[in-house]
Amino acid sequence: MEAFASGAGLRALRPSQAGLAVLQKRILRGGLPPLSPKIPTLHHWRTHTGSEVDFVLSRRERLLPLEAKASSSIAPKMLRGLEIFLADHAKSAPFGAVIYSGAEHRLLGPRIIAISARAL
């Protein structure tokens, strides 16, 4: 959590990216476990080597990394940024999710789930 809390790799979203807040609200209404009674802060995460996670919801000590994919299938290489994030933040991020255009929800690994965008 210290690397995350210090801002390493994080970029807060600017108000001009307000459309992402709409996505955040839809994700939270879609049945993901609540991180807190208040709406979490939305971030983007990227390492100096180029690994990234599209969205990270943060609330207190909890983190929820999310990838958004337009594809109806998910290749293993699409999960690399999420896997790195989960390894780096094992205590504060117990799992991550990929939102994709496929038809079904499914487990992609021990800590990564796929959520159909159709359900949102």
C-alpha atoms as a PDB file:
ATOM      1  CA  MET A   1       0.000   0.000   0.000  1.00  0.00           C
ATOM      2  CA  GLU A   2       2.877   2.401   0.619  1.00  0.00           C
ATOM      3  CA  ALA A   3       3.852   2.586  -3.050  1.00  0.00           C
ATOM      4  CA  PHE A   4       0.237   3.231  -3.933  1.00  0.00           C
ATOM      5  CA  ALA A   5      -0.298   5.754  -1.148  1.00  0.00           C
ATOM      6  CA  SER A   6       2.819   7.687  -2.114  1.00  0.00           C
ATOM      7  CA  GLY A   7       1.475   8.063  -5.630  1.00  0.00           C
ATOM      8  CA  ALA A   8       4.060   5.878  -7.359  1.00  0.00           C
ATOM      9  CA  GLY A   9       2.630   5.019 -10.743  1.00  0.00           C
ATOM     10  CA  LEU A  10      -0.726   6.645 -10.047  1.00  0.00           C
ATOM     11  CA  ARG A  11      -2.351   9.477 -11.906  1.00  0.00           C
ATOM     12  CA  ALA A  12      -5.541  10.980 -10.571  1.00  0.00           C
ATOM     13  CA  LEU A  13      -8.101  11.534 -13.276  1.00  0.00           C
ATOM     14  CA  ARG A  14      -8.714  15.142 -14.258  1.00  0.00           C
ATOM     15  CA  PRO A  15     -12.192  16.687 -14.199  1.00  0.00           C
ATOM     16  CA  SER A  16     -12.098  16.754 -18.016  1.00  0.00           C
ATOM     17  CA  GLN A  17     -12.313  12.984 -17.833  1.00  0.00           C
ATOM     18  CA  ALA A  18     -15.683  13.144 -16.108  1.00  0.00           C
ATOM     19  CA  GLY A  19     -17.066  10.434 -18.395  1.00  0.00           C
ATOM     20  CA  LEU A  20     -14.976   7.936 -16.443  1.00  0.00           C
ATOM     21  CA  ALA A  21     -16.948   8.807 -13.318  1.00  0.00           C
ATOM     22  CA  VAL A  22     -20.060   7.532 -15.101  1.00  0.00           C
ATOM     23  CA  LEU A  23     -18.270   4.227 -15.752  1.00  0.00           C
ATOM     24  CA  GLN A  24     -17.243   4.089 -12.102  1.00  0.00           C
ATOM     25  CA  LYS A  25     -20.856   4.455 -10.951  1.00  0.00           C
ATOM     26  CA  ARG A  26     -22.065   1.795 -13.409  1.00  0.00           C
ATOM     27  CA  ILE A  27     -19.376  -0.619 -12.206  1.00  0.00           C
ATOM     28  CA  LEU A  28     -20.378  -0.092  -8.587  1.00  0.00           C
ATOM     29  CA  ARG A  29     -24.067  -0.654  -9.391  1.00  0.00           C
ATOM     30  CA  GLY A  30     -23.163  -3.814 -11.321  1.00  0.00           C
ATOM     31  CA  GLY A  31     -22.788  -5.996  -8.262  1.00  0.00           C
ATOM     32  CA  LEU A  32     -19.112  -5.666  -7.349  1.00  0.00           C
ATOM     33  CA  PRO A  33     -18.550  -5.761  -3.592  1.00  0.00           C
ATOM     34  CA  PRO A  34     -18.685  -2.264  -2.115  1.00  0.00           C
ATOM     35  CA  LEU A  35     -15.373  -0.861  -0.954  1.00  0.00           C
ATOM     36  CA  SER A  36     -17.062   1.578   1.429  1.00  0.00           C
ATOM     37  CA  PRO A  37     -20.311   3.503   1.830  1.00  0.00           C
ATOM     38  CA  LYS A  38     -18.757   6.407  -0.093  1.00  0.00           C
ATOM     39  CA  ILE A  39     -17.829   6.358  -3.766  1.00  0.00           C
ATOM     40  CA  PRO A  40     -14.142   5.425  -4.179  1.00  0.00           C
ATOM     41  CA  THR A  41     -11.539   7.587  -5.868  1.00  0.00           C
ATOM     42  CA  LEU A  42     -10.759   6.647  -9.463  1.00  0.00           C
ATOM     43  CA  HIS A  43      -7.113   6.411 -10.649  1.00  0.00           C
ATOM     44  CA  HIS A  44      -5.010   5.147 -13.535  1.00  0.00           C
ATOM     45  CA  TRP A  45      -1.881   3.099 -12.715  1.00  0.00           C
ATOM     46  CA  ARG A  46       1.260   2.791 -14.824  1.00  0.00           C
ATOM     47  CA  THR A  47       4.814   1.645 -14.078  1.00  0.00           C
ATOM     48  CA  HIS A  48       7.985   3.152 -15.510  1.00  0.00           C
ATOM     49  CA  THR A  49       8.285   0.041 -17.704  1.00  0.00           C
ATOM     50  CA  GLY A  50       4.875   0.617 -19.286  1.00  0.00           C
ATOM     51  CA  SER A  51       2.683  -1.897 -17.442  1.00  0.00           C
ATOM     52  CA  GLU A  52      -0.675  -0.342 -16.670  1.00  0.00           C
ATOM     53  CA  VAL A  53      -4.162  -0.806 -15.282  1.00  0.00           C
ATOM     54  CA  ASP A  54      -6.959   1.237 -16.831  1.00  0.00           C
ATOM     55  CA  PHE A  55      -8.806   2.033 -13.608  1.00  0.00           C
ATOM     56  CA  VAL A  56      -8.027   1.613  -9.915  1.00  0.00           C
ATOM     57  CA  LEU A  57     -10.796   2.345  -7.457  1.00  0.00           C
ATOM     58  CA  SER A  58      -9.371   3.251  -4.055  1.00  0.00           C
ATOM     59  CA  ARG A  59     -11.081   3.728  -0.741  1.00  0.00           C
ATOM     60  CA  ARG A  60      -9.119   3.841   2.475  1.00  0.00           C
ATOM     61  CA  GLU A  61      -6.890   0.762   2.433  1.00  0.00           C
ATOM     62  CA  ARG A  62      -8.789  -1.106  -0.313  1.00  0.00           C
ATOM     63  CA  LEU A  63      -7.929  -1.125  -4.009  1.00  0.00           C
ATOM     64  CA  LEU A  64      -9.883  -2.574  -6.924  1.00  0.00           C
ATOM     65  CA  PRO A  65      -7.949  -2.690 -10.222  1.00  0.00           C
ATOM     66  CA  LEU A  66     -10.102  -2.831 -13.366  1.00  0.00           C
ATOM     67  CA  GLU A  67      -9.258  -3.358 -17.013  1.00  0.00           C
ATOM     68  CA  ALA A  68     -11.741  -2.462 -19.754  1.00  0.00           C
ATOM     69  CA  LYS A  69     -11.499  -4.450 -23.001  1.00  0.00           C
ATOM     70  CA  ALA A  70     -13.556  -4.009 -26.180  1.00  0.00           C
ATOM     71  CA  SER A  71     -12.809  -7.610 -27.148  1.00  0.00           C
ATOM     72  CA  SER A  72     -15.247 -10.498 -26.706  1.00  0.00           C
ATOM     73  CA  SER A  73     -12.326 -12.753 -25.713  1.00  0.00           C
ATOM     74  CA  ILE A  74      -9.433 -12.202 -23.338  1.00  0.00           C
ATOM     75  CA  ALA A  75      -5.909 -13.271 -24.229  1.00  0.00           C
ATOM     76  CA  PRO A  76      -3.484 -13.996 -21.363  1.00  0.00           C
ATOM     77  CA  LYS A  77      -1.211 -11.110 -22.422  1.00  0.00           C
ATOM     78  CA  MET A  78      -4.125  -8.706 -21.781  1.00  0.00           C
ATOM     79  CA  LEU A  79      -3.883  -9.542 -18.072  1.00  0.00           C
ATOM     80  CA  ARG A  80      -0.210  -8.685 -17.554  1.00  0.00           C
ATOM     81  CA  GLY A  81      -0.732  -5.211 -16.050  1.00  0.00           C
ATOM     82  CA  LEU A  82      -3.429  -6.527 -13.737  1.00  0.00           C
ATOM     83  CA  GLU A  83      -1.204  -9.410 -12.609  1.00  0.00           C
ATOM     84  CA  ILE A  84       1.685  -7.043 -11.848  1.00  0.00           C
ATOM     85  CA  PHE A  85      -0.595  -4.683  -9.924  1.00  0.00           C
ATOM     86  CA  LEU A  86      -2.059  -7.541  -7.866  1.00  0.00           C
ATOM     87  CA  ALA A  87       1.418  -8.855  -7.048  1.00  0.00           C
ATOM     88  CA  ASP A  88       2.596  -5.382  -5.993  1.00  0.00           C
ATOM     89  CA  HIS A  89      -0.524  -4.680  -3.889  1.00  0.00           C
ATOM     90  CA  ALA A  90      -1.378  -8.135  -2.557  1.00  0.00           C
ATOM     91  CA  LYS A  91      -2.701  -6.972   0.812  1.00  0.00           C
ATOM     92  CA  SER A  92      -4.815  -4.038  -0.339  1.00  0.00           C
ATOM     93  CA  ALA A  93      -6.089  -5.535  -3.628  1.00  0.00           C
ATOM     94  CA  PRO A  94      -7.406  -9.071  -3.030  1.00  0.00           C
ATOM     95  CA  PHE A  95      -8.685  -9.377  -6.613  1.00  0.00           C
ATOM     96  CA  GLY A  96      -8.997  -7.536  -9.918  1.00  0.00           C
ATOM     97  CA  ALA A  97     -11.516  -7.559 -12.729  1.00  0.00           C
ATOM     98  CA  VAL A  98     -11.638  -7.291 -16.497  1.00  0.00           C
ATOM     99  CA  ILE A  99     -14.779  -5.800 -18.004  1.00  0.00           C
ATOM    100  CA  TYR A 100     -15.134  -7.074 -21.559  1.00  0.00           C
ATOM    101  CA  SER A 101     -17.705  -7.410 -24.341  1.00  0.00           C
ATOM    102  CA  GLY A 102     -18.051 -11.184 -23.974  1.00  0.00           C
ATOM    103  CA  ALA A 103     -21.284 -12.806 -22.847  1.00  0.00           C
ATOM    104  CA  GLU A 104     -20.307 -14.527 -19.605  1.00  0.00           C
ATOM    105  CA  HIS A 105     -18.713 -13.850 -16.245  1.00  0.00           C
ATOM    106  CA  ARG A 106     -15.809 -16.157 -15.534  1.00  0.00           C
ATOM    107  CA  LEU A 107     -12.734 -16.684 -13.427  1.00  0.00           C
ATOM    108  CA  LEU A 108      -9.515 -15.941 -15.342  1.00  0.00           C
ATOM    109  CA  GLY A 109      -7.117 -16.819 -12.554  1.00  0.00           C
ATOM    110  CA  PRO A 110      -6.999 -17.158  -8.787  1.00  0.00           C
ATOM    111  CA  ARG A 111      -7.463 -13.391  -8.295  1.00  0.00           C
ATOM    112  CA  ILE A 112      -8.884 -12.114 -11.608  1.00  0.00           C
ATOM    113  CA  ILE A 113     -12.494 -12.245 -12.732  1.00  0.00           C
ATOM    114  CA  ALA A 114     -14.039 -11.337 -16.082  1.00  0.00           C
ATOM    115  CA  ILE A 115     -17.304  -9.417 -16.018  1.00  0.00           C
ATOM    116  CA  SER A 116     -19.457  -9.073 -19.108  1.00  0.00           C
ATOM    117  CA  ALA A 117     -20.132  -5.431 -19.959  1.00  0.00           C
ATOM    118  CA  ARG A 118     -23.619  -6.574 -20.935  1.00  0.00           C
ATOM    119  CA  ALA A 119     -24.406  -6.983 -17.231  1.00  0.00           C
ATOM    120  CA  LEU A 120     -23.589  -3.374 -16.402  1.00  0.00           C
END
